Structures are given as structure tokens and as C-alpha cells.
Amino acid sequence: MWSANGKVARVRSIFRPDTMLLSSSGTSISTFQFSRSAFPAPLSEVFSRFKPVAHAACTACHKDPHQNRYGQDCQSCHGVEGWLVLKGVAAQRAFHEKTRYPLRGAHAEVACKSCHGPFPGIRATFKGLAFDSCTSCHVDAHLSQLGKPREAAAACERCHTVQGFRPVRYEVQDHVSWPLRGAHEAVACFLCHRANPKLEPRAVLVRAWIGQR
């Protein structure tokens, strides 16, 4: 880049968070603050070409974080407002169909932030999220009373479905710890399984998890 006095100035990429434009004498002209998470990383952090600059496609400047798995039509999902801003709810749902975890049941109605964040003190995460079991995302509402995570006795799908936490799919024959006989079959669950104040300290994590969402 040429400075006002005709001498070449040194330029550092505006994609770096500490970017600074220097004159030929080394004095600072301006400083830019750029968020690394706002857009994909640039192809290079060392460049100073101003004309001509390729701009026919997003990938002329940005790396493809999807590694061409979804084609090169970036604008079909993303806009200039920001890399993490997807176009419309329909686009967000359609995009998830291409991932290893397509959204089913009630998951399709959950806000992206509820799973990906950001949460207080935790930045948004879109890659590497575990999803091999319900407890990868959800806290155990039963406070491990039915068994430890990933144990067969505590398998969420025994009673719940992706359509929602309620209604619960639990029949009389499933009550194996104390088989229900006669009039016991008609007794409401909460009349035997009553609230226990001693469990409240263990419920703090559950309430905190719900509060973040």
C-alpha cells in the first residue's frame, strides 16, 4: 500500500484481532478490533493487495469450514450479518438434516442457542458436540435414582421419546421393583413417590441447567 508521501506502508491483515495499519515511519494510523468468531478464518493473514481483489465467491477470501460437504453456495445459509447467523428457521432445520444428528420430534422446535450456546462464560460451540446419549445434552431429571448414565436401567428411551419429556410411556408391568397388584394399579404415582426435601441439593444442577436455557 502507498502512503500519502508515496512510500510503501506496511499492512497487517484486518482479520487479526490486533490489526494495525502503519505508515512508512512506523506510526500507527488506525487499529481494528475484529472478532475471530464472527466469520470463518481468512485464507491468509499476510496480504496487502487492494486491486484487483477476487470477490466473486465467499471462498475467495474465507476458508470453507465445511470442507465442501455442502457445496459452495454459502449465501443459501449465511449472510453478511455474520457467519453464525443462518437464514430463517427453515434453513437452520434443513442444514441439520445434513449433519450426523438430524433433528427429530421436539428437538426440531428447540432454539439453536439451547444446545449450541453461548451460555454465561461459555462461547457457542457448533463442532464436536456429543450426542450419543440423552445425558450428553440433558441433565438427569431423576437425579440418578434410576441408575447411572448409560446404564440399561436408566435408559431414557424406556419411558420417554423425542416427541417430549411428557407424557411418559410407563405401564403397570414396568413397575418391576414392587409389582403393582389389585387396587395398587389405580393409585396415582405421586401418592407413593412424594417430594423428598433431602434430594433438593442434588436438584441444584438441574435448575441451573434449565436456567441457562
Protein backbone atom coordinates (compact mmCIF):
# COMPACT_ATOMS: atom_id res chain seq x y z
CA MET A 1 0.00 0.00 0.00
CA TRP A 2 1.24 3.52 -0.80
CA SER A 3 1.26 6.12 1.93
CA ALA A 4 0.49 9.82 1.48
CA ASN A 5 4.14 10.65 0.85
CA GLY A 6 4.48 7.99 -1.83
CA LYS A 7 6.37 5.49 0.30
CA VAL A 8 5.18 1.96 0.88
CA ALA A 9 3.35 1.41 4.15
CA ARG A 10 3.27 -1.90 5.99
CA VAL A 11 -0.15 -3.51 6.42
CA ARG A 12 -1.20 -6.40 8.63
CA SER A 13 -4.38 -8.32 7.85
CA ILE A 14 -7.60 -6.77 9.15
CA PHE A 15 -8.72 -10.24 10.13
CA ARG A 16 -6.32 -10.32 13.07
CA PRO A 17 -7.68 -9.07 16.40
CA ASP A 18 -4.68 -6.78 16.92
CA THR A 19 -4.64 -5.44 13.37
CA MET A 20 -2.78 -2.19 12.92
CA LEU A 21 -2.14 -0.03 9.87
CA LEU A 22 1.33 1.54 9.92
CA SER A 23 2.78 4.39 7.92
CA SER A 24 6.29 4.15 6.40
CA SER A 25 7.64 5.87 9.51
CA GLY A 26 6.13 3.18 11.73
CA THR A 27 3.48 5.41 13.35
CA SER A 28 0.07 3.93 13.96
CA ILE A 29 -2.71 5.21 11.68
CA SER A 30 -5.59 3.14 12.98
CA THR A 31 -6.36 0.00 14.91
CA PHE A 32 -9.11 -2.50 14.18
CA GLN A 33 -10.75 -4.91 16.58
CA PHE A 34 -12.11 -7.93 14.74
CA SER A 35 -13.84 -10.94 16.33
CA ARG A 36 -12.32 -14.24 15.24
CA SER A 37 -15.67 -15.99 15.72
CA ALA A 38 -17.68 -13.53 13.59
CA PHE A 39 -16.63 -15.07 10.26
CA PRO A 40 -14.57 -18.05 9.03
CA ALA A 41 -10.80 -17.63 9.08
CA PRO A 42 -9.22 -15.84 6.09
CA LEU A 43 -7.20 -17.78 3.56
CA SER A 44 -4.15 -15.85 4.67
CA GLU A 45 -3.28 -13.41 7.43
CA VAL A 46 -0.41 -11.91 5.45
CA PHE A 47 -1.66 -9.92 2.47
CA SER A 48 -1.95 -6.33 1.33
CA ARG A 49 -3.41 -6.49 -2.20
CA PHE A 50 -6.07 -3.82 -2.79
CA LYS A 51 -6.57 -4.05 -6.56
CA PRO A 52 -7.58 -6.35 -8.08
CA VAL A 53 -9.03 -8.42 -5.25
CA ALA A 54 -11.05 -11.52 -6.06
CA HIS A 55 -14.55 -11.36 -4.59
CA ALA A 56 -16.75 -13.41 -6.89
CA ALA A 57 -17.28 -16.04 -4.19
CA CYS A 58 -17.05 -16.15 -0.40
CA THR A 59 -14.26 -18.70 -0.66
CA ALA A 60 -12.09 -16.17 -2.48
CA CYS A 61 -11.38 -14.74 0.98
CA HIS A 62 -12.73 -17.25 3.50
CA LYS A 63 -11.82 -20.86 4.13
CA ASP A 64 -14.67 -23.33 3.76
CA PRO A 65 -15.20 -24.69 7.30
CA HIS A 66 -17.49 -27.39 5.86
CA GLN A 67 -14.74 -28.64 3.51
CA ASN A 68 -17.14 -28.59 0.54
CA ARG A 69 -19.54 -31.08 2.15
CA TYR A 70 -22.45 -28.74 1.40
CA GLY A 71 -21.27 -27.16 -1.83
CA GLN A 72 -20.06 -23.62 -2.43
CA ASP A 73 -23.37 -21.72 -2.33
CA CYS A 74 -22.59 -20.08 1.01
CA GLN A 75 -25.35 -17.47 0.59
CA SER A 76 -28.02 -20.16 0.74
CA CYS A 77 -27.46 -20.37 4.51
CA HIS A 78 -25.24 -17.46 5.51
CA GLY A 79 -25.39 -13.68 5.14
CA VAL A 80 -23.07 -10.73 5.56
CA GLU A 81 -24.57 -10.10 9.02
CA GLY A 82 -22.34 -12.81 10.47
CA TRP A 83 -21.14 -16.35 10.00
CA LEU A 84 -23.31 -17.69 12.84
CA VAL A 85 -26.49 -16.04 11.55
CA LEU A 86 -28.36 -18.58 9.41
CA LYS A 87 -31.15 -17.53 7.08
CA GLY A 88 -34.51 -18.43 8.58
CA VAL A 89 -35.68 -21.28 10.77
CA ALA A 90 -36.34 -23.47 7.73
CA ALA A 91 -32.73 -23.11 6.60
CA GLN A 92 -31.47 -23.98 10.06
CA ARG A 93 -33.58 -27.14 10.18
CA ALA A 94 -32.61 -28.13 6.63
CA PHE A 95 -28.95 -27.69 7.48
CA HIS A 96 -29.25 -30.02 10.45
CA GLU A 97 -30.51 -32.76 8.13
CA LYS A 98 -27.03 -32.82 6.59
CA THR A 99 -25.32 -33.37 9.93
CA ARG A 100 -24.78 -36.54 11.94
CA TYR A 101 -27.66 -35.52 14.22
CA PRO A 102 -30.83 -34.70 12.23
CA LEU A 103 -33.48 -33.08 14.38
CA ARG A 104 -36.49 -35.22 15.25
CA GLY A 105 -39.56 -34.70 17.40
CA ALA A 106 -39.40 -31.83 19.89
CA HIS A 107 -35.75 -31.21 19.00
CA ALA A 108 -36.91 -29.56 15.77
CA GLU A 109 -38.59 -26.79 17.78
CA VAL A 110 -35.70 -26.06 20.13
CA ALA A 111 -33.82 -22.80 19.71
CA CYS A 112 -30.27 -23.29 18.38
CA LYS A 113 -28.88 -21.46 21.43
CA SER A 114 -30.32 -24.07 23.78
CA CYS A 115 -27.87 -26.67 22.51
CA HIS A 116 -25.05 -24.67 20.95
CA GLY A 117 -24.91 -21.67 23.27
CA PRO A 118 -23.43 -19.28 24.00
CA PHE A 119 -24.03 -19.72 27.72
CA PRO A 120 -22.75 -17.49 30.54
CA GLY A 121 -18.98 -17.78 30.43
CA ILE A 122 -19.09 -20.37 27.63
CA ARG A 123 -18.77 -19.50 23.94
CA ALA A 124 -21.02 -21.04 21.30
CA THR A 125 -19.96 -24.48 20.07
CA PHE A 126 -21.00 -25.96 16.73
CA LYS A 127 -18.50 -28.75 16.21
CA GLY A 128 -17.67 -31.79 18.30
CA LEU A 129 -20.83 -31.79 20.43
CA ALA A 130 -21.54 -35.21 21.94
CA PHE A 131 -24.92 -36.74 21.15
CA ASP A 132 -24.52 -40.46 21.80
CA SER A 133 -27.00 -40.41 24.68
CA CYS A 134 -29.72 -38.15 26.07
CA THR A 135 -27.50 -37.19 29.01
CA SER A 136 -24.93 -35.79 26.57
CA CYS A 137 -27.24 -32.76 26.39
CA HIS A 138 -29.85 -33.21 29.11
CA VAL A 139 -29.39 -33.44 32.84
CA ASP A 140 -30.90 -36.43 34.62
CA ALA A 141 -34.24 -35.22 35.91
CA HIS A 142 -34.39 -38.29 38.14
CA LEU A 143 -31.12 -37.35 39.87
CA SER A 144 -29.53 -40.76 39.14
CA GLN A 145 -32.12 -42.57 41.28
CA LEU A 146 -32.90 -44.95 38.42
CA GLY A 147 -29.26 -45.71 37.68
CA LYS A 148 -26.11 -44.13 36.39
CA PRO A 149 -25.96 -42.53 32.93
CA ARG A 150 -25.73 -45.11 30.10
CA GLU A 151 -26.86 -47.95 32.35
CA ALA A 152 -29.71 -50.01 30.88
CA ALA A 153 -31.94 -49.37 33.90
CA ALA A 154 -31.57 -45.62 33.42
CA ALA A 155 -32.04 -45.57 29.65
CA CYS A 156 -34.25 -42.56 28.94
CA GLU A 157 -35.92 -44.18 25.92
CA ARG A 158 -37.52 -46.77 28.19
CA CYS A 159 -40.05 -44.16 29.26
CA HIS A 160 -39.50 -41.07 27.09
CA THR A 161 -39.45 -40.28 23.38
CA VAL A 162 -38.04 -37.45 21.25
CA GLN A 163 -41.59 -36.10 21.00
CA GLY A 164 -41.24 -34.72 24.52
CA PHE A 165 -40.37 -35.49 28.12
CA ARG A 166 -44.08 -35.88 28.79
CA PRO A 167 -46.30 -37.84 28.51
CA VAL A 168 -44.29 -40.68 29.98
CA ARG A 169 -44.55 -44.14 28.47
CA TYR A 170 -44.67 -46.23 31.63
CA GLU A 171 -47.04 -49.13 32.14
CA VAL A 172 -48.00 -51.18 35.21
CA GLN A 173 -45.83 -54.08 34.04
CA ASP A 174 -42.81 -51.77 34.02
CA HIS A 175 -43.07 -51.32 37.80
CA VAL A 176 -40.78 -54.27 38.49
CA SER A 177 -39.16 -53.16 41.76
CA TRP A 178 -42.51 -53.65 43.52
CA PRO A 179 -45.10 -55.25 41.23
CA LEU A 180 -48.44 -53.50 41.37
CA ARG A 181 -51.35 -55.76 42.17
CA GLY A 182 -55.06 -55.18 42.63
CA ALA A 183 -56.08 -51.67 43.67
CA HIS A 184 -52.45 -50.55 43.63
CA GLU A 185 -52.71 -50.38 39.86
CA ALA A 186 -55.09 -47.42 40.15
CA VAL A 187 -53.06 -45.38 42.63
CA ALA A 188 -51.55 -42.16 41.27
CA CYS A 189 -47.75 -42.24 41.10
CA PHE A 190 -47.23 -39.12 43.21
CA LEU A 191 -49.13 -40.62 46.15
CA CYS A 192 -46.24 -43.04 46.67
CA HIS A 193 -43.37 -41.15 45.02
CA ARG A 194 -43.61 -37.97 47.04
CA ALA A 195 -41.30 -34.96 47.09
CA ASN A 196 -38.22 -35.53 49.23
CA PRO A 197 -36.51 -32.41 50.64
CA LYS A 198 -33.26 -34.38 51.00
CA LEU A 199 -32.99 -34.50 47.21
CA GLU A 200 -33.12 -30.74 46.84
CA PRO A 201 -29.32 -30.18 47.00
CA ARG A 202 -28.92 -32.62 44.11
CA ALA A 203 -31.56 -30.72 42.14
CA VAL A 204 -29.48 -27.53 42.08
CA LEU A 205 -27.67 -28.67 38.93
CA VAL A 206 -30.97 -29.45 37.23
CA ARG A 207 -32.34 -25.98 37.99
CA ALA A 208 -29.11 -24.32 36.84
CA TRP A 209 -29.21 -26.24 33.56
CA ILE A 210 -32.82 -25.21 32.95
CA GLY A 211 -31.98 -21.60 33.83
CA GLN A 212 -29.32 -21.42 31.11
CA ARG A 213 -31.94 -22.24 28.53
